[in-house]
Amino acid sequence: MTRVLVVDDEAPARERLTELLAAIADVEVIGQAANGELAVEKIGELQPDVVLLDIQMPGASGLEVAAILPRPRPKIIFCTAFDQYAVDAFELNAVDYLLKPVSRVRLARAMERVRAKPEEEAEADVDRVTEAVHGKCTRLLARCGGRIRIIPQKEVVHFASEGGLTFLHTRERKYVLDPTLNDLEGRLDPELFFRISRGAIVNLDAVSEFQPLMGGIANVVLQTGTVLEVSRRRVRELLERLQGGGLPEP
């Protein structure tokens, strides 16, 4: 039996997909979610085998939900009404998707393909498509206690790896993220974020001071007052990026 979670912000769409799935042998719909935050919570709670994931949702898109899910994540079939940019990326990376309105035959074929696909291959397909459209993903989903919060990238001051966990820092507080810094680096807006060391990525707009130090290293002071060390091999590139924003030569 394949256990399926249906995610769509429109109730009629969720009900139609649930009805169509009920006609497919060995498929059980175990739940529904109406937005990205609830989707992440339900996936963690119910552990579905397959998620039908709508792309166009308020708050957080289906691509942003897919990007934050911890590994191993369920197999994903994306649903979209009109996002040609995403469809092109799906076609290029062999990712399963459904165009709305979803037909019974197309859904059955997509379910057959995704169930037959090896888990590692399905993971790699979704990774490629989320990376291909990372410029469209302007928000992050972060854990706050038992809830999921939507954080616009521009509100992030910095990311840090601390004690084996990844933290997202805003001006007000910090949140736990599932992706590692390596994962995040490929998803973030490269015009806005820069990795200053193995343990930190900063929002360039949040850097208030650059402090050259002896030995070729440096510190940056963020608008929150946080001081972070810049690794020696990243100092020159960081300074060039900051100068591009108008910072004078030290």
Protein backbone atom coordinates (compact mmCIF):
# COMPACT_ATOMS: atom_id res chain seq x y z
CA MET A 1 0.00 0.00 0.00
CA THR A 2 1.38 3.43 -1.00
CA ARG A 3 0.56 6.10 1.58
CA VAL A 4 -0.08 9.54 0.04
CA LEU A 5 -0.32 13.07 1.46
CA VAL A 6 -2.18 15.69 -0.62
CA VAL A 7 -0.98 19.30 -0.31
CA ASP A 8 -2.91 22.15 -1.96
CA ASP A 9 -4.17 25.49 -0.67
CA GLU A 10 -7.54 25.01 -2.40
CA ALA A 11 -9.98 22.61 -0.74
CA PRO A 12 -11.73 21.57 -4.00
CA ALA A 13 -8.36 20.61 -5.51
CA ARG A 14 -7.48 18.51 -2.45
CA GLU A 15 -10.83 16.75 -2.56
CA ARG A 16 -10.55 16.04 -6.30
CA LEU A 17 -7.07 14.56 -5.93
CA THR A 18 -8.23 12.47 -2.96
CA GLU A 19 -11.16 11.16 -5.00
CA LEU A 20 -8.96 10.31 -7.99
CA LEU A 21 -6.38 8.58 -5.80
CA ALA A 22 -9.08 6.44 -4.20
CA ALA A 23 -9.63 4.78 -7.58
CA ILE A 24 -5.97 3.67 -7.85
CA ALA A 25 -5.19 0.21 -6.49
CA ASP A 26 -2.91 -0.03 -3.45
CA VAL A 27 -3.04 3.72 -2.74
CA GLU A 28 -4.20 5.21 0.56
CA VAL A 29 -4.60 8.95 1.20
CA ILE A 30 -3.44 9.41 4.79
CA GLY A 31 -3.93 13.16 5.09
CA GLN A 32 -4.18 16.62 3.57
CA ALA A 33 -2.42 19.94 4.14
CA ALA A 34 -3.51 23.41 3.03
CA ASN A 35 -0.16 25.22 3.12
CA GLY A 36 3.59 24.75 3.26
CA GLU A 37 4.00 24.93 7.03
CA LEU A 38 1.31 22.30 7.62
CA ALA A 39 2.80 20.17 4.84
CA VAL A 40 6.18 19.98 6.57
CA GLU A 41 4.51 19.19 9.90
CA LYS A 42 2.27 16.49 8.37
CA ILE A 43 5.16 14.89 6.49
CA GLY A 44 7.15 14.63 9.70
CA GLU A 45 4.16 13.27 11.61
CA LEU A 46 2.66 10.86 9.05
CA GLN A 47 5.76 9.77 7.08
CA PRO A 48 3.97 9.38 3.71
CA ASP A 49 5.52 7.44 0.84
CA VAL A 50 4.41 9.99 -1.77
CA VAL A 51 3.39 13.66 -1.55
CA LEU A 52 1.27 15.41 -4.18
CA LEU A 53 2.63 18.93 -3.71
CA ASP A 54 1.08 22.08 -5.16
CA ILE A 55 3.55 24.66 -6.45
CA GLN A 56 1.52 27.86 -6.14
CA MET A 57 0.66 28.28 -2.46
CA PRO A 58 0.61 31.47 -0.38
CA GLY A 59 3.39 31.77 2.17
CA ALA A 60 5.71 29.05 0.87
CA SER A 61 5.73 27.39 -2.53
CA GLY A 62 5.87 23.66 -3.12
CA LEU A 63 9.47 24.02 -4.27
CA GLU A 64 10.41 25.73 -1.00
CA VAL A 65 8.70 22.94 0.94
CA ALA A 66 10.61 20.30 -1.03
CA ALA A 67 13.89 22.11 -0.44
CA ILE A 68 13.57 22.15 3.36
CA LEU A 69 12.37 18.58 3.90
CA PRO A 70 14.83 16.46 5.89
CA ARG A 71 16.32 13.35 4.30
CA PRO A 72 15.12 10.81 3.48
CA ARG A 73 12.12 12.68 2.17
CA PRO A 74 9.06 11.11 0.55
CA LYS A 75 8.77 10.85 -3.21
CA ILE A 76 7.20 13.99 -4.64
CA ILE A 77 4.83 14.67 -7.51
CA PHE A 78 4.52 18.42 -8.08
CA CYS A 79 1.22 19.96 -9.19
CA THR A 80 1.04 23.25 -11.09
CA ALA A 81 -1.54 25.26 -12.99
CA PHE A 82 0.58 27.65 -15.03
CA ASP A 83 4.20 27.95 -13.87
CA GLN A 84 6.02 27.39 -17.17
CA TYR A 85 9.40 28.13 -15.56
CA ALA A 86 8.89 25.25 -13.17
CA VAL A 87 7.52 22.95 -15.87
CA ASP A 88 10.63 23.51 -17.98
CA ALA A 89 12.79 22.60 -14.98
CA PHE A 90 10.70 19.48 -14.32
CA GLU A 91 11.05 18.34 -17.93
CA LEU A 92 14.80 18.94 -17.91
CA ASN A 93 15.36 17.05 -14.65
CA ALA A 94 12.87 14.21 -15.19
CA VAL A 95 10.81 15.20 -12.16
CA ASP A 96 7.22 13.97 -11.97
CA TYR A 97 4.62 16.72 -12.20
CA LEU A 98 0.92 17.16 -12.95
CA LEU A 99 -0.71 20.04 -14.79
CA LYS A 100 -4.03 21.23 -13.38
CA PRO A 101 -6.78 20.28 -13.88
CA VAL A 102 -5.41 16.83 -13.12
CA SER A 103 -6.81 13.97 -15.16
CA ARG A 104 -7.41 10.46 -13.81
CA VAL A 105 -5.17 8.87 -16.45
CA ARG A 106 -2.29 11.32 -15.97
CA LEU A 107 -2.42 10.89 -12.19
CA ALA A 108 -2.39 7.11 -12.46
CA ARG A 109 0.63 7.22 -14.77
CA ALA A 110 2.50 9.61 -12.49
CA MET A 111 1.81 7.40 -9.47
CA GLU A 112 3.00 4.33 -11.37
CA ARG A 113 6.24 6.03 -12.37
CA VAL A 114 7.04 7.51 -8.99
CA ARG A 115 6.35 4.25 -7.14
CA ALA A 116 8.70 2.39 -9.49
CA LYS A 117 11.50 4.96 -9.17
CA PRO A 118 14.34 4.07 -6.72
CA GLU A 119 14.39 6.34 -3.67
CA GLU A 120 17.91 7.66 -4.30
CA GLU A 121 17.01 8.56 -7.89
CA ALA A 122 13.84 10.34 -6.76
CA GLU A 123 15.86 12.34 -4.19
CA ALA A 124 18.40 13.38 -6.82
CA ASP A 125 15.67 14.44 -9.27
CA VAL A 126 14.04 16.74 -6.71
CA ASP A 127 17.42 18.16 -5.67
CA ARG A 128 18.16 19.13 -9.26
CA VAL A 129 14.83 20.85 -9.81
CA THR A 130 14.94 22.81 -6.52
CA GLU A 131 18.46 23.97 -7.38
CA ALA A 132 17.38 24.89 -10.93
CA VAL A 133 14.66 27.19 -9.63
CA HIS A 134 16.40 28.44 -6.47
CA GLY A 135 16.11 32.00 -7.73
CA LYS A 136 12.33 31.60 -7.41
CA CYS A 137 12.57 30.40 -3.79
CA THR A 138 12.68 33.61 -1.76
CA ARG A 139 11.54 32.15 1.56
CA LEU A 140 12.77 29.52 4.01
CA LEU A 141 10.86 27.26 6.36
CA ALA A 142 12.35 27.12 9.85
CA ARG A 143 11.46 25.19 12.99
CA CYS A 144 10.21 27.09 16.02
CA GLY A 145 9.41 24.63 18.79
CA GLY A 146 6.87 22.27 17.28
CA ARG A 147 5.79 24.70 14.56
CA ILE A 148 7.15 25.75 11.17
CA ARG A 149 7.72 29.45 10.43
CA ILE A 150 8.08 31.14 7.02
CA ILE A 151 11.12 33.42 6.88
CA PRO A 152 11.81 35.64 3.83
CA GLN A 153 15.47 35.36 2.81
CA LYS A 154 15.93 39.12 3.10
CA GLU A 155 15.07 38.94 6.84
CA VAL A 156 17.91 36.49 7.55
CA VAL A 157 21.00 38.07 9.15
CA HIS A 158 23.14 34.94 9.03
CA PHE A 159 23.20 31.16 9.15
CA ALA A 160 25.50 29.25 11.47
CA SER A 161 26.43 25.66 12.16
CA GLU A 162 26.57 25.13 15.90
CA GLY A 163 26.94 21.81 17.72
CA GLY A 164 25.91 19.79 14.69
CA LEU A 165 22.76 21.86 14.07
CA THR A 166 22.02 24.57 11.51
CA PHE A 167 20.58 27.83 12.83
CA LEU A 168 18.92 30.70 10.99
CA HIS A 169 19.42 34.04 12.76
CA THR A 170 17.12 37.02 12.26
CA ARG A 171 17.30 40.30 14.16
CA GLU A 172 14.82 38.99 16.73
CA ARG A 173 15.75 35.33 17.33
CA LYS A 174 17.21 32.14 15.89
CA TYR A 175 15.51 29.10 14.40
CA VAL A 176 16.57 25.53 13.69
CA LEU A 177 16.85 24.42 10.06
CA ASP A 178 17.09 20.89 8.68
CA PRO A 179 19.38 21.63 5.69
CA THR A 180 23.13 21.85 6.27
CA LEU A 181 25.09 24.95 5.31
CA ASN A 182 26.29 23.08 2.22
CA ASP A 183 22.68 22.44 1.20
CA LEU A 184 21.68 26.04 1.89
CA GLU A 185 24.56 27.52 -0.07
CA GLY A 186 23.10 26.19 -3.32
CA ARG A 187 19.58 27.41 -2.55
CA LEU A 188 20.21 30.95 -1.38
CA ASP A 189 20.28 34.07 -3.53
CA PRO A 190 24.00 34.42 -4.42
CA GLU A 191 23.60 38.18 -4.79
CA LEU A 192 22.48 38.46 -1.17
CA PHE A 193 24.39 35.78 0.73
CA PHE A 194 28.08 34.90 1.09
CA ARG A 195 29.73 32.01 2.90
CA ILE A 196 32.46 33.47 5.09
CA SER A 197 33.66 30.19 6.65
CA ARG A 198 32.82 26.53 7.02
CA GLY A 199 30.49 27.48 9.87
CA ALA A 200 28.70 30.62 8.69
CA ILE A 201 26.86 32.28 5.79
CA VAL A 202 26.03 35.98 6.08
CA ASN A 203 23.53 38.34 4.49
CA LEU A 204 25.80 40.93 2.86
CA ASP A 205 23.23 43.66 3.54
CA ALA A 206 23.47 42.86 7.27
CA VAL A 207 27.26 43.43 7.47
CA SER A 208 27.93 46.72 9.25
CA GLU A 209 31.72 46.46 9.67
CA PHE A 210 34.68 44.62 8.14
CA GLN A 211 37.70 44.22 10.45
CA PRO A 212 41.03 43.09 8.91
CA LEU A 213 43.16 41.15 11.41
CA MET A 214 46.74 39.90 11.60
CA GLY A 215 47.54 36.73 9.67
CA GLY A 216 45.29 37.46 6.71
CA ILE A 217 42.01 36.72 8.47
CA ALA A 218 39.21 39.13 9.30
CA ASN A 219 36.04 39.59 11.28
CA VAL A 220 32.69 40.94 10.22
CA VAL A 221 30.33 42.73 12.57
CA LEU A 222 26.66 42.24 11.75
CA GLN A 223 23.85 44.71 12.39
CA THR A 224 22.81 42.61 15.38
CA GLY A 225 26.25 43.13 16.97
CA THR A 226 27.30 39.54 16.26
CA VAL A 227 30.99 39.18 15.38
CA LEU A 228 31.99 36.35 13.04
CA GLU A 229 35.40 35.26 11.81
CA VAL A 230 36.10 35.14 8.07
CA SER A 231 38.36 32.33 6.92
CA ARG A 232 41.63 33.39 5.29
CA ARG A 233 40.77 32.06 1.85
CA ARG A 234 37.45 33.93 1.76
CA VAL A 235 38.63 37.36 2.93
CA ARG A 236 39.54 38.77 -0.48
CA GLU A 237 36.33 37.64 -2.18
CA LEU A 238 34.20 38.95 0.68
CA LEU A 239 35.93 42.31 0.55
CA GLU A 240 35.35 42.48 -3.21
CA ARG A 241 31.66 41.70 -2.70
CA LEU A 242 31.36 44.38 -0.03
CA GLN A 243 33.23 46.93 -2.12
CA GLY A 244 30.78 46.24 -4.90
CA GLY A 245 28.20 47.66 -2.52
CA GLY A 246 30.26 50.79 -1.94
CA LEU A 247 32.51 49.84 1.03
CA PRO A 248 35.80 51.80 0.92
CA GLU A 249 39.20 50.11 0.77
CA PRO A 250 40.46 49.33 4.32
